């Protein structure tokens, strides 16, 4: 069960701009004084949080430490191209988990939006890990790798075009990758609509992210759609992320109780996705499982099995 209910954060925002400016000026002075005090003391300030969010952060910290230990232990082991890429994404996942703790405990501002955005990143990273480790025939696996490279090239071209930089080598590479995609038997099995999206390089996944999240990662479809939309609202500054700030007493320097409640779901999702990805990575290297504490592993498997977000059990890649 979730540790806390999900609050309603939609509605209208009303605030006094003059009062806001005065308060921000005062907060900025307090922030500078706090920074100087930290510098003199040589120690990093830790925010005081009440229960249950402190308990959540502590649990995420423990899981993140375990996951990072797994990541470091598996680094450099012989593996496939898919395994190597999954290892990179998993390391990224561990970094996001640590960043959530830093924002919650150490930052002078309590940025619950950033916590939710990082949880969304962990959701997406765990989905990519499941996709990379999905057992498929060699031809389809190679097709997936080529599609990822095409997506990478298209993204880099957009970036360089935005700054007026020459990118002829990347453009040539993109065209070669597109030709490989269109010549693949896997490509010809797709619907016409999917062929168009895949060949454009705008898609990372052959079958679409939500299909991967539900079929490979194991998400309950309804849960995934709701959670992803909620987190995306805060990531993209949609109205649901700011329209009831006054009603909920949002204050980034002196957070309200509601503000601590808002990211509760985020932390639970982050732990669920990080845990499942960790176990999936471990099961790809069964020879290393004995090196980890059996009680911690047993607890991780038990928590994963009881996770309310997933409708499918963990399946090793």
C-alpha atoms as a PDB file:
ATOM      1  CA  UNK A   1       0.000   0.000   0.000  1.00  0.00           C
ATOM      2  CA  UNK A   2       1.120   3.594  -0.558  1.00  0.00           C
ATOM      3  CA  UNK A   3       2.440   5.322   2.515  1.00  0.00           C
ATOM      4  CA  UNK A   4       0.347   8.429   1.883  1.00  0.00           C
ATOM      5  CA  UNK A   5      -2.670   9.442  -0.199  1.00  0.00           C
ATOM      6  CA  UNK A   6      -2.231  11.330  -3.456  1.00  0.00           C
ATOM      7  CA  UNK A   7      -3.454  14.905  -2.973  1.00  0.00           C
ATOM      8  CA  UNK A   8      -5.531  16.789  -5.521  1.00  0.00           C
ATOM      9  CA  UNK A   9      -3.297  19.439  -7.068  1.00  0.00           C
ATOM     10  CA  UNK A  10      -5.593  20.849  -9.761  1.00  0.00           C
ATOM     11  CA  UNK A  11      -7.551  24.100  -9.555  1.00  0.00           C
ATOM     12  CA  UNK A  12      -6.940  27.873  -9.447  1.00  0.00           C
ATOM     13  CA  UNK A  13      -3.942  29.829  -8.176  1.00  0.00           C
ATOM     14  CA  UNK A  14      -4.260  33.176  -6.410  1.00  0.00           C
ATOM     15  CA  UNK A  15      -1.414  35.114  -4.838  1.00  0.00           C
ATOM     16  CA  UNK A  16      -0.381  38.686  -4.106  1.00  0.00           C
ATOM     17  CA  UNK A  17       2.607  39.569  -6.310  1.00  0.00           C
ATOM     18  CA  UNK A  18       3.906  42.323  -3.979  1.00  0.00           C
ATOM     19  CA  UNK A  19       3.802  40.025  -0.961  1.00  0.00           C
ATOM     20  CA  UNK A  20       5.460  37.315  -3.043  1.00  0.00           C
ATOM     21  CA  UNK A  21       8.345  39.606  -4.027  1.00  0.00           C
ATOM     22  CA  UNK A  22       8.884  40.696  -0.404  1.00  0.00           C
ATOM     23  CA  UNK A  23       8.880  37.122   0.845  1.00  0.00           C
ATOM     24  CA  UNK A  24      11.312  36.000  -1.864  1.00  0.00           C
ATOM     25  CA  UNK A  25      13.701  38.847  -0.967  1.00  0.00           C
ATOM     26  CA  UNK A  26      13.628  37.727   2.662  1.00  0.00           C
ATOM     27  CA  UNK A  27      14.087  34.076   1.673  1.00  0.00           C
ATOM     28  CA  UNK A  28      17.059  34.947  -0.537  1.00  0.00           C
ATOM     29  CA  UNK A  29      18.783  36.693   2.377  1.00  0.00           C
ATOM     30  CA  UNK A  30      18.104  33.686   4.609  1.00  0.00           C
ATOM     31  CA  UNK A  31      19.435  31.368   1.924  1.00  0.00           C
ATOM     32  CA  UNK A  32      22.691  33.325   1.600  1.00  0.00           C
ATOM     33  CA  UNK A  33      23.160  33.367   5.399  1.00  0.00           C
ATOM     34  CA  UNK A  34      22.532  29.619   5.572  1.00  0.00           C
ATOM     35  CA  UNK A  35      25.045  29.003   2.778  1.00  0.00           C
ATOM     36  CA  UNK A  36      27.705  31.048   4.584  1.00  0.00           C
ATOM     37  CA  UNK A  37      27.020  29.141   7.800  1.00  0.00           C
ATOM     38  CA  UNK A  38      27.434  25.825   6.006  1.00  0.00           C
ATOM     39  CA  UNK A  39      30.696  26.996   4.458  1.00  0.00           C
ATOM     40  CA  UNK A  40      32.079  28.038   7.845  1.00  0.00           C
ATOM     41  CA  UNK A  41      31.021  24.810   9.491  1.00  0.00           C
ATOM     42  CA  UNK A  42      32.337  22.636   6.687  1.00  0.00           C
ATOM     43  CA  UNK A  43      29.279  20.422   6.949  1.00  0.00           C
ATOM     44  CA  UNK A  44      26.308  19.955   4.678  1.00  0.00           C
ATOM     45  CA  UNK A  45      23.006  21.042   6.141  1.00  0.00           C
ATOM     46  CA  UNK A  46      20.362  18.327   6.455  1.00  0.00           C
ATOM     47  CA  UNK A  47      16.700  19.209   6.399  1.00  0.00           C
ATOM     48  CA  UNK A  48      14.537  18.058   9.284  1.00  0.00           C
ATOM     49  CA  UNK A  49      11.638  16.002   7.960  1.00  0.00           C
ATOM     50  CA  UNK A  50       8.756  14.493   9.850  1.00  0.00           C
ATOM     51  CA  UNK A  51       7.403  10.985   9.556  1.00  0.00           C
ATOM     52  CA  UNK A  52       6.339   9.337   7.258  1.00  0.00           C
ATOM     53  CA  UNK A  53       8.228  11.103   4.441  1.00  0.00           C
ATOM     54  CA  UNK A  54      11.476  10.776   6.399  1.00  0.00           C
ATOM     55  CA  UNK A  55      10.857   7.039   6.611  1.00  0.00           C
ATOM     56  CA  UNK A  56      10.297   6.944   2.856  1.00  0.00           C
ATOM     57  CA  UNK A  57      13.507   8.845   2.170  1.00  0.00           C
ATOM     58  CA  UNK A  58      15.417   6.544   4.511  1.00  0.00           C
ATOM     59  CA  UNK A  59      14.028   3.463   2.759  1.00  0.00           C
ATOM     60  CA  UNK A  60      14.900   4.919  -0.632  1.00  0.00           C
ATOM     61  CA  UNK A  61      18.406   5.684   0.634  1.00  0.00           C
ATOM     62  CA  UNK A  62      18.885   2.102   1.828  1.00  0.00           C
ATOM     63  CA  UNK A  63      17.569   0.641  -1.411  1.00  0.00           C
ATOM     64  CA  UNK A  64      19.627   3.100  -3.449  1.00  0.00           C
ATOM     65  CA  UNK A  65      22.780   2.083  -1.600  1.00  0.00           C
ATOM     66  CA  UNK A  66      22.054  -1.590  -2.262  1.00  0.00           C
ATOM     67  CA  UNK A  67      21.283  -0.889  -5.925  1.00  0.00           C
ATOM     68  CA  UNK A  68      24.466   1.129  -6.367  1.00  0.00           C
ATOM     69  CA  UNK A  69      26.457  -1.723  -4.811  1.00  0.00           C
ATOM     70  CA  UNK A  70      24.890  -4.085  -7.346  1.00  0.00           C
ATOM     71  CA  UNK A  71      25.683  -1.664 -10.169  1.00  0.00           C
ATOM     72  CA  UNK A  72      29.328  -1.351  -9.148  1.00  0.00           C
ATOM     73  CA  UNK A  73      29.710  -5.104  -8.666  1.00  0.00           C
ATOM     74  CA  UNK A  74      28.362  -5.892 -12.144  1.00  0.00           C
ATOM     75  CA  UNK A  75      30.400  -3.191 -13.880  1.00  0.00           C
ATOM     76  CA  UNK A  76      32.968  -4.678 -16.250  1.00  0.00           C
ATOM     77  CA  UNK A  77      31.597  -8.225 -16.210  1.00  0.00           C
ATOM     78  CA  UNK A  78      31.349 -10.034 -19.561  1.00  0.00           C
ATOM     79  CA  UNK A  79      27.940  -9.398 -21.085  1.00  0.00           C
ATOM     80  CA  UNK A  80      26.060  -8.783 -24.305  1.00  0.00           C
ATOM     81  CA  UNK A  81      25.571  -5.417 -25.993  1.00  0.00           C
ATOM     82  CA  UNK A  82      22.099  -5.307 -24.463  1.00  0.00           C
ATOM     83  CA  UNK A  83      23.509  -6.112 -21.039  1.00  0.00           C
ATOM     84  CA  UNK A  84      26.139  -3.376 -21.350  1.00  0.00           C
ATOM     85  CA  UNK A  85      23.541  -0.782 -22.340  1.00  0.00           C
ATOM     86  CA  UNK A  86      21.208  -1.911 -19.545  1.00  0.00           C
ATOM     87  CA  UNK A  87      24.080  -1.558 -17.056  1.00  0.00           C
ATOM     88  CA  UNK A  88      24.594   2.042 -18.158  1.00  0.00           C
ATOM     89  CA  UNK A  89      20.908   2.850 -17.770  1.00  0.00           C
ATOM     90  CA  UNK A  90      20.830   1.158 -14.369  1.00  0.00           C
ATOM     91  CA  UNK A  91      23.747   3.299 -13.149  1.00  0.00           C
ATOM     92  CA  UNK A  92      21.759   6.339 -14.310  1.00  0.00           C
ATOM     93  CA  UNK A  93      18.787   5.018 -12.329  1.00  0.00           C
ATOM     94  CA  UNK A  94      20.895   4.786  -9.159  1.00  0.00           C
ATOM     95  CA  UNK A  95      22.077   8.371  -9.631  1.00  0.00           C
ATOM     96  CA  UNK A  96      18.479   9.604  -9.903  1.00  0.00           C
ATOM     97  CA  UNK A  97      17.580   7.857  -6.641  1.00  0.00           C
ATOM     98  CA  UNK A  98      20.468   9.541  -4.827  1.00  0.00           C
ATOM     99  CA  UNK A  99      19.456  12.914  -6.268  1.00  0.00           C
ATOM    100  CA  UNK A 100      15.975  12.530  -4.791  1.00  0.00           C
ATOM    101  CA  UNK A 101      17.511  12.166  -1.343  1.00  0.00           C
ATOM    102  CA  UNK A 102      19.742  15.209  -1.867  1.00  0.00           C
ATOM    103  CA  UNK A 103      16.814  17.387  -2.931  1.00  0.00           C
ATOM    104  CA  UNK A 104      14.678  16.258  -0.013  1.00  0.00           C
ATOM    105  CA  UNK A 105      17.327  16.562   2.687  1.00  0.00           C
ATOM    106  CA  UNK A 106      20.111  18.908   1.640  1.00  0.00           C
ATOM    107  CA  UNK A 107      18.803  21.571  -0.705  1.00  0.00           C
ATOM    108  CA  UNK A 108      17.840  24.940   0.798  1.00  0.00           C
ATOM    109  CA  UNK A 109      14.656  24.710  -1.297  1.00  0.00           C
ATOM    110  CA  UNK A 110      12.233  21.790  -1.144  1.00  0.00           C
ATOM    111  CA  UNK A 111      11.564  21.137  -4.828  1.00  0.00           C
ATOM    112  CA  UNK A 112       8.847  18.480  -4.839  1.00  0.00           C
ATOM    113  CA  UNK A 113       8.462  18.953  -8.606  1.00  0.00           C
ATOM    114  CA  UNK A 114      12.058  17.831  -9.132  1.00  0.00           C
ATOM    115  CA  UNK A 115      11.459  14.766  -6.959  1.00  0.00           C
ATOM    116  CA  UNK A 116       8.513  13.843  -9.154  1.00  0.00           C
ATOM    117  CA  UNK A 117      10.498  14.485 -12.333  1.00  0.00           C
ATOM    118  CA  UNK A 118      13.314  12.239 -11.069  1.00  0.00           C
ATOM    119  CA  UNK A 119      10.789   9.523 -10.199  1.00  0.00           C
ATOM    120  CA  UNK A 120       9.494   9.777 -13.770  1.00  0.00           C
ATOM    121  CA  UNK A 121      13.065   9.400 -15.018  1.00  0.00           C
ATOM    122  CA  UNK A 122      13.471   6.257 -12.922  1.00  0.00           C
ATOM    123  CA  UNK A 123      10.187   4.925 -14.354  1.00  0.00           C
ATOM    124  CA  UNK A 124      11.468   5.494 -17.877  1.00  0.00           C
ATOM    125  CA  UNK A 125      14.931   4.108 -17.118  1.00  0.00           C
ATOM    126  CA  UNK A 126      13.458   0.930 -15.643  1.00  0.00           C
ATOM    127  CA  UNK A 127      11.275   0.546 -18.726  1.00  0.00           C
ATOM    128  CA  UNK A 128      14.329   0.854 -20.971  1.00  0.00           C
ATOM    129  CA  UNK A 129      16.186  -1.740 -18.870  1.00  0.00           C
ATOM    130  CA  UNK A 130      13.297  -4.191 -19.257  1.00  0.00           C
ATOM    131  CA  UNK A 131      13.282  -3.518 -23.007  1.00  0.00           C
ATOM    132  CA  UNK A 132      17.021  -4.051 -23.381  1.00  0.00           C
ATOM    133  CA  UNK A 133      16.968  -7.299 -21.396  1.00  0.00           C
ATOM    134  CA  UNK A 134      13.818  -8.658 -23.060  1.00  0.00           C
ATOM    135  CA  UNK A 135      14.686 -12.091 -24.512  1.00  0.00           C
ATOM    136  CA  UNK A 136      14.043 -11.839 -28.261  1.00  0.00           C
ATOM    137  CA  UNK A 137      15.586 -13.481 -31.355  1.00  0.00           C
ATOM    138  CA  UNK A 138      18.932 -12.087 -32.478  1.00  0.00           C
ATOM    139  CA  UNK A 139      17.475 -10.414 -35.575  1.00  0.00           C
ATOM    140  CA  UNK A 140      14.933  -8.457 -33.576  1.00  0.00           C
ATOM    141  CA  UNK A 141      17.506  -7.562 -30.927  1.00  0.00           C
ATOM    142  CA  UNK A 142      19.778  -6.128 -33.620  1.00  0.00           C
ATOM    143  CA  UNK A 143      16.821  -4.216 -35.057  1.00  0.00           C
ATOM    144  CA  UNK A 144      16.144  -2.700 -31.623  1.00  0.00           C
ATOM    145  CA  UNK A 145      19.774  -1.652 -31.235  1.00  0.00           C
ATOM    146  CA  UNK A 146      19.764  -0.044 -34.680  1.00  0.00           C
ATOM    147  CA  UNK A 147      16.575   1.838 -33.835  1.00  0.00           C
ATOM    148  CA  UNK A 148      18.147   3.188 -30.640  1.00  0.00           C
ATOM    149  CA  UNK A 149      21.133   4.412 -32.637  1.00  0.00           C
ATOM    150  CA  UNK A 150      18.822   6.032 -35.183  1.00  0.00           C
ATOM    151  CA  UNK A 151      16.927   7.825 -32.428  1.00  0.00           C
ATOM    152  CA  UNK A 152      20.246   9.019 -30.986  1.00  0.00           C
ATOM    153  CA  UNK A 153      21.381  10.363 -34.376  1.00  0.00           C
ATOM    154  CA  UNK A 154      18.096  12.180 -35.017  1.00  0.00           C
ATOM    155  CA  UNK A 155      18.278  13.829 -31.593  1.00  0.00           C
ATOM    156  CA  UNK A 156      21.867  14.969 -32.139  1.00  0.00           C
ATOM    157  CA  UNK A 157      20.984  16.382 -35.534  1.00  0.00           C
ATOM    158  CA  UNK A 158      18.214  18.494 -33.993  1.00  0.00           C
ATOM    159  CA  UNK A 159      20.605  19.825 -31.359  1.00  0.00           C
ATOM    160  CA  UNK A 160      23.333  20.750 -33.844  1.00  0.00           C
ATOM    161  CA  UNK A 161      20.843  22.238 -36.277  1.00  0.00           C
ATOM    162  CA  UNK A 162      19.588  24.471 -33.482  1.00  0.00           C
ATOM    163  CA  UNK A 163      23.062  25.990 -33.127  1.00  0.00           C
ATOM    164  CA  UNK A 164      23.777  26.139 -36.849  1.00  0.00           C
ATOM    165  CA  UNK A 165      26.566  23.583 -36.595  1.00  0.00           C
ATOM    166  CA  UNK A 166      27.683  21.270 -39.376  1.00  0.00           C
ATOM    167  CA  UNK A 167      26.556  17.690 -38.911  1.00  0.00           C
ATOM    168  CA  UNK A 168      27.133  16.042 -42.281  1.00  0.00           C
ATOM    169  CA  UNK A 169      28.750  12.962 -40.713  1.00  0.00           C
ATOM    170  CA  UNK A 170      25.796  12.429 -38.392  1.00  0.00           C
ATOM    171  CA  UNK A 171      23.364  12.974 -41.266  1.00  0.00           C
ATOM    172  CA  UNK A 172      25.128  10.330 -43.354  1.00  0.00           C
ATOM    173  CA  UNK A 173      25.078   7.948 -40.405  1.00  0.00           C
ATOM    174  CA  UNK A 174      21.367   8.608 -39.880  1.00  0.00           C
ATOM    175  CA  UNK A 175      20.602   7.748 -43.502  1.00  0.00           C
ATOM    176  CA  UNK A 176      22.609   4.523 -43.272  1.00  0.00           C
ATOM    177  CA  UNK A 177      20.798   3.491 -40.089  1.00  0.00           C
ATOM    178  CA  UNK A 178      17.430   4.307 -41.640  1.00  0.00           C
ATOM    179  CA  UNK A 179      18.293   2.101 -44.631  1.00  0.00           C
ATOM    180  CA  UNK A 180      19.190  -0.764 -42.285  1.00  0.00           C
ATOM    181  CA  UNK A 181      15.907  -0.294 -40.424  1.00  0.00           C
ATOM    182  CA  UNK A 182      13.807  -0.363 -43.597  1.00  0.00           C
ATOM    183  CA  UNK A 183      15.612  -3.465 -44.907  1.00  0.00           C
ATOM    184  CA  UNK A 184      14.983  -5.499 -41.754  1.00  0.00           C
ATOM    185  CA  UNK A 185      12.367  -8.297 -41.747  1.00  0.00           C
ATOM    186  CA  UNK A 186      11.204  -6.974 -38.352  1.00  0.00           C
ATOM    187  CA  UNK A 187      10.356  -3.632 -39.962  1.00  0.00           C
ATOM    188  CA  UNK A 188       8.118  -5.275 -42.554  1.00  0.00           C
ATOM    189  CA  UNK A 189       6.077  -6.961 -39.818  1.00  0.00           C
ATOM    190  CA  UNK A 190       4.997  -3.589 -38.421  1.00  0.00           C
ATOM    191  CA  UNK A 191       1.819  -1.743 -39.283  1.00  0.00           C
ATOM    192  CA  UNK A 192       2.090   1.103 -41.781  1.00  0.00           C
ATOM    193  CA  UNK A 193       1.655   3.647 -38.997  1.00  0.00           C
ATOM    194  CA  UNK A 194       4.426   2.114 -36.897  1.00  0.00           C
ATOM    195  CA  UNK A 195       6.711   1.862 -39.937  1.00  0.00           C
ATOM    196  CA  UNK A 196       6.389   5.597 -40.467  1.00  0.00           C
ATOM    197  CA  UNK A 197       7.145   6.416 -36.835  1.00  0.00           C
ATOM    198  CA  UNK A 198      10.033   3.972 -36.574  1.00  0.00           C
ATOM    199  CA  UNK A 199      11.693   5.061 -39.838  1.00  0.00           C
ATOM    200  CA  UNK A 200      11.518   8.706 -38.747  1.00  0.00           C
ATOM    201  CA  UNK A 201      13.794   8.016 -35.808  1.00  0.00           C
ATOM    202  CA  UNK A 202      11.295   9.615 -33.428  1.00  0.00           C
ATOM    203  CA  UNK A 203      10.613   6.303 -31.649  1.00  0.00           C
ATOM    204  CA  UNK A 204      12.964   4.559 -29.228  1.00  0.00           C
ATOM    205  CA  UNK A 205      10.850   1.431 -28.852  1.00  0.00           C
ATOM    206  CA  UNK A 206       9.685  -0.822 -31.677  1.00  0.00           C
ATOM    207  CA  UNK A 207       6.318  -1.378 -30.003  1.00  0.00           C
ATOM    208  CA  UNK A 208       5.878   1.898 -28.083  1.00  0.00           C
ATOM    209  CA  UNK A 209       6.770   2.842 -24.505  1.00  0.00           C
ATOM    210  CA  UNK A 210       3.445   1.940 -22.882  1.00  0.00           C
ATOM    211  CA  UNK A 211       3.510  -1.492 -24.463  1.00  0.00           C
ATOM    212  CA  UNK A 212       7.024  -2.005 -23.093  1.00  0.00           C
ATOM    213  CA  UNK A 213       6.024  -0.707 -19.645  1.00  0.00           C
ATOM    214  CA  UNK A 214       3.074  -3.080 -19.325  1.00  0.00           C
ATOM    215  CA  UNK A 215       4.295  -6.153 -21.209  1.00  0.00           C
ATOM    216  CA  UNK A 216       8.001  -6.168 -20.341  1.00  0.00           C
ATOM    217  CA  UNK A 217       8.356  -4.072 -17.195  1.00  0.00           C
ATOM    218  CA  UNK A 218       5.158  -5.503 -15.713  1.00  0.00           C
ATOM    219  CA  UNK A 219       3.186  -2.331 -14.935  1.00  0.00           C
ATOM    220  CA  UNK A 220      -0.547  -2.424 -14.450  1.00  0.00           C
ATOM    221  CA  UNK A 221      -1.719  -0.426 -17.472  1.00  0.00           C
ATOM    222  CA  UNK A 222      -4.197   1.781 -15.608  1.00  0.00           C
ATOM    223  CA  UNK A 223      -1.677   2.505 -12.850  1.00  0.00           C
ATOM    224  CA  UNK A 224       1.035   3.343 -15.368  1.00  0.00           C
ATOM    225  CA  UNK A 225      -1.117   5.740 -17.359  1.00  0.00           C
ATOM    226  CA  UNK A 226      -2.285   7.592 -14.244  1.00  0.00           C
ATOM    227  CA  UNK A 227       1.091   7.817 -12.539  1.00  0.00           C
ATOM    228  CA  UNK A 228       2.957   8.801 -15.703  1.00  0.00           C
ATOM    229  CA  UNK A 229       0.474  11.575 -16.469  1.00  0.00           C
ATOM    230  CA  UNK A 230       0.693  12.896 -12.893  1.00  0.00           C
ATOM    231  CA  UNK A 231       4.490  12.994 -12.894  1.00  0.00           C
ATOM    232  CA  UNK A 232       4.587  14.451 -16.395  1.00  0.00           C
ATOM    233  CA  UNK A 233       2.389  17.356 -15.297  1.00  0.00           C
ATOM    234  CA  UNK A 234       5.068  18.427 -12.822  1.00  0.00           C
ATOM    235  CA  UNK A 235       7.914  17.728 -15.239  1.00  0.00           C
ATOM    236  CA  UNK A 236       6.376  19.885 -17.981  1.00  0.00           C
ATOM    237  CA  UNK A 237       4.842  22.601 -15.750  1.00  0.00           C
ATOM    238  CA  UNK A 238       1.305  21.656 -16.750  1.00  0.00           C
ATOM    239  CA  UNK A 239      -1.548  23.359 -14.812  1.00  0.00           C
ATOM    240  CA  UNK A 240      -1.843  20.468 -12.366  1.00  0.00           C
ATOM    241  CA  UNK A 241       1.659  21.333 -11.129  1.00  0.00           C
ATOM    242  CA  UNK A 242       0.906  24.922 -10.127  1.00  0.00           C
ATOM    243  CA  UNK A 243      -2.786  25.803 -10.248  1.00  0.00           C
ATOM    244  CA  UNK A 244      -3.500  25.062  -6.547  1.00  0.00           C
ATOM    245  CA  UNK A 245      -0.240  26.194  -5.031  1.00  0.00           C
ATOM    246  CA  UNK A 246      -1.967  28.760  -2.808  1.00  0.00           C
ATOM    247  CA  UNK A 247      -4.554  26.243  -1.596  1.00  0.00           C
ATOM    248  CA  UNK A 248      -1.787  23.818  -0.639  1.00  0.00           C
ATOM    249  CA  UNK A 249       0.497  26.368   0.969  1.00  0.00           C
ATOM    250  CA  UNK A 250       3.379  25.693  -1.395  1.00  0.00           C
ATOM    251  CA  UNK A 251       6.525  27.381  -0.111  1.00  0.00           C
ATOM    252  CA  UNK A 252       9.896  26.146  -1.325  1.00  0.00           C
ATOM    253  CA  UNK A 253      11.812  27.438   1.696  1.00  0.00           C
ATOM    254  CA  UNK A 254       9.266  26.550   4.396  1.00  0.00           C
ATOM    255  CA  UNK A 255       7.350  23.556   2.951  1.00  0.00           C
ATOM    256  CA  UNK A 256       3.814  22.849   4.091  1.00  0.00           C
ATOM    257  CA  UNK A 257       2.647  19.430   5.258  1.00  0.00           C
ATOM    258  CA  UNK A 258       0.772  19.019   1.985  1.00  0.00           C
ATOM    259  CA  UNK A 259       3.952  19.768   0.080  1.00  0.00           C
ATOM    260  CA  UNK A 260       5.630  16.847   1.812  1.00  0.00           C
ATOM    261  CA  UNK A 261       2.664  14.640   0.971  1.00  0.00           C
ATOM    262  CA  UNK A 262       2.677  15.466  -2.754  1.00  0.00           C
ATOM    263  CA  UNK A 263       5.878  13.529  -3.617  1.00  0.00           C
ATOM    264  CA  UNK A 264       4.907  10.509  -1.477  1.00  0.00           C
ATOM    265  CA  UNK A 265       3.702   8.584  -4.516  1.00  0.00           C
ATOM    266  CA  UNK A 266       6.859   9.566  -6.403  1.00  0.00           C
ATOM    267  CA  UNK A 267       9.143   8.008  -3.831  1.00  0.00           C
ATOM    268  CA  UNK A 268       7.122   4.786  -3.736  1.00  0.00           C
ATOM    269  CA  UNK A 269       7.239   4.518  -7.531  1.00  0.00           C
ATOM    270  CA  UNK A 270      10.959   5.290  -7.593  1.00  0.00           C
ATOM    271  CA  UNK A 271      11.631   2.498  -5.094  1.00  0.00           C
ATOM    272  CA  UNK A 272       9.423   0.008  -6.943  1.00  0.00           C
ATOM    273  CA  UNK A 273      11.077   0.636 -10.305  1.00  0.00           C
ATOM    274  CA  UNK A 274      14.621   0.784  -8.918  1.00  0.00           C
ATOM    275  CA  UNK A 275      14.083  -2.437  -6.971  1.00  0.00           C
ATOM    276  CA  UNK A 276      12.652  -4.360  -9.920  1.00  0.00           C
ATOM    277  CA  UNK A 277      15.444  -3.166 -12.201  1.00  0.00           C
ATOM    278  CA  UNK A 278      18.050  -4.153  -9.613  1.00  0.00           C
ATOM    279  CA  UNK A 279      16.638  -7.670  -9.345  1.00  0.00           C
ATOM    280  CA  UNK A 280      16.440  -7.945 -13.122  1.00  0.00           C
ATOM    281  CA  UNK A 281      20.084  -6.909 -13.431  1.00  0.00           C
ATOM    282  CA  UNK A 282      21.108  -9.408 -10.757  1.00  0.00           C
ATOM    283  CA  UNK A 283      19.279 -12.272 -12.398  1.00  0.00           C
ATOM    284  CA  UNK A 284      21.301 -11.615 -15.523  1.00  0.00           C
ATOM    285  CA  UNK A 285      24.408 -12.540 -13.498  1.00  0.00           C
ATOM    286  CA  UNK A 286      23.340 -15.476 -11.295  1.00  0.00           C
ATOM    287  CA  UNK A 287      26.980 -16.244 -10.480  1.00  0.00           C
ATOM    288  CA  UNK A 288      27.147 -13.003  -8.478  1.00  0.00           C
ATOM    289  CA  UNK A 289      23.947 -13.350  -6.451  1.00  0.00           C
ATOM    290  CA  UNK A 290      25.686 -15.213  -3.607  1.00  0.00           C
ATOM    291  CA  UNK A 291      27.896 -12.169  -2.996  1.00  0.00           C
ATOM    292  CA  UNK A 292      24.965 -10.122  -1.703  1.00  0.00           C
ATOM    293  CA  UNK A 293      23.330 -10.315   1.704  1.00  0.00           C
ATOM    294  CA  UNK A 294      20.619 -13.015   1.531  1.00  0.00           C
ATOM    295  CA  UNK A 295      18.273 -11.162   3.892  1.00  0.00           C
ATOM    296  CA  UNK A 296      18.405  -7.984   1.785  1.00  0.00           C
ATOM    297  CA  UNK A 297      17.747  -9.989  -1.367  1.00  0.00           C
ATOM    298  CA  UNK A 298      14.845 -11.833   0.248  1.00  0.00           C
ATOM    299  CA  UNK A 299      13.303  -8.544   1.369  1.00  0.00           C
ATOM    300  CA  UNK A 300      13.735  -7.073  -2.114  1.00  0.00           C
ATOM    301  CA  UNK A 301      11.973 -10.024  -3.733  1.00  0.00           C
ATOM    302  CA  UNK A 302       9.205  -9.916  -1.141  1.00  0.00           C
ATOM    303  CA  UNK A 303       8.643  -6.187  -1.616  1.00  0.00           C
ATOM    304  CA  UNK A 304       8.642  -6.578  -5.385  1.00  0.00           C
ATOM    305  CA  UNK A 305       6.093  -9.375  -5.244  1.00  0.00           C
ATOM    306  CA  UNK A 306       3.779  -7.242  -3.102  1.00  0.00           C
ATOM    307  CA  UNK A 307       4.173  -4.045  -5.121  1.00  0.00           C
ATOM    308  CA  UNK A 308       0.747  -2.559  -6.004  1.00  0.00           C
ATOM    309  CA  UNK A 309       1.970  -1.012  -9.259  1.00  0.00           C
ATOM    310  CA  UNK A 310       2.822  -4.213 -11.078  1.00  0.00           C
ATOM    311  CA  UNK A 311       0.312  -6.687 -12.469  1.00  0.00           C
ATOM    312  CA  UNK A 312       2.981  -9.120 -13.739  1.00  0.00           C
ATOM    313  CA  UNK A 313       5.657 -10.842 -11.682  1.00  0.00           C
ATOM    314  CA  UNK A 314       9.334 -10.174 -12.222  1.00  0.00           C
ATOM    315  CA  UNK A 315      10.749 -11.978 -15.222  1.00  0.00           C
ATOM    316  CA  UNK A 316      14.471 -12.207 -15.775  1.00  0.00           C
ATOM    317  CA  UNK A 317      15.847 -11.097 -19.109  1.00  0.00           C
END
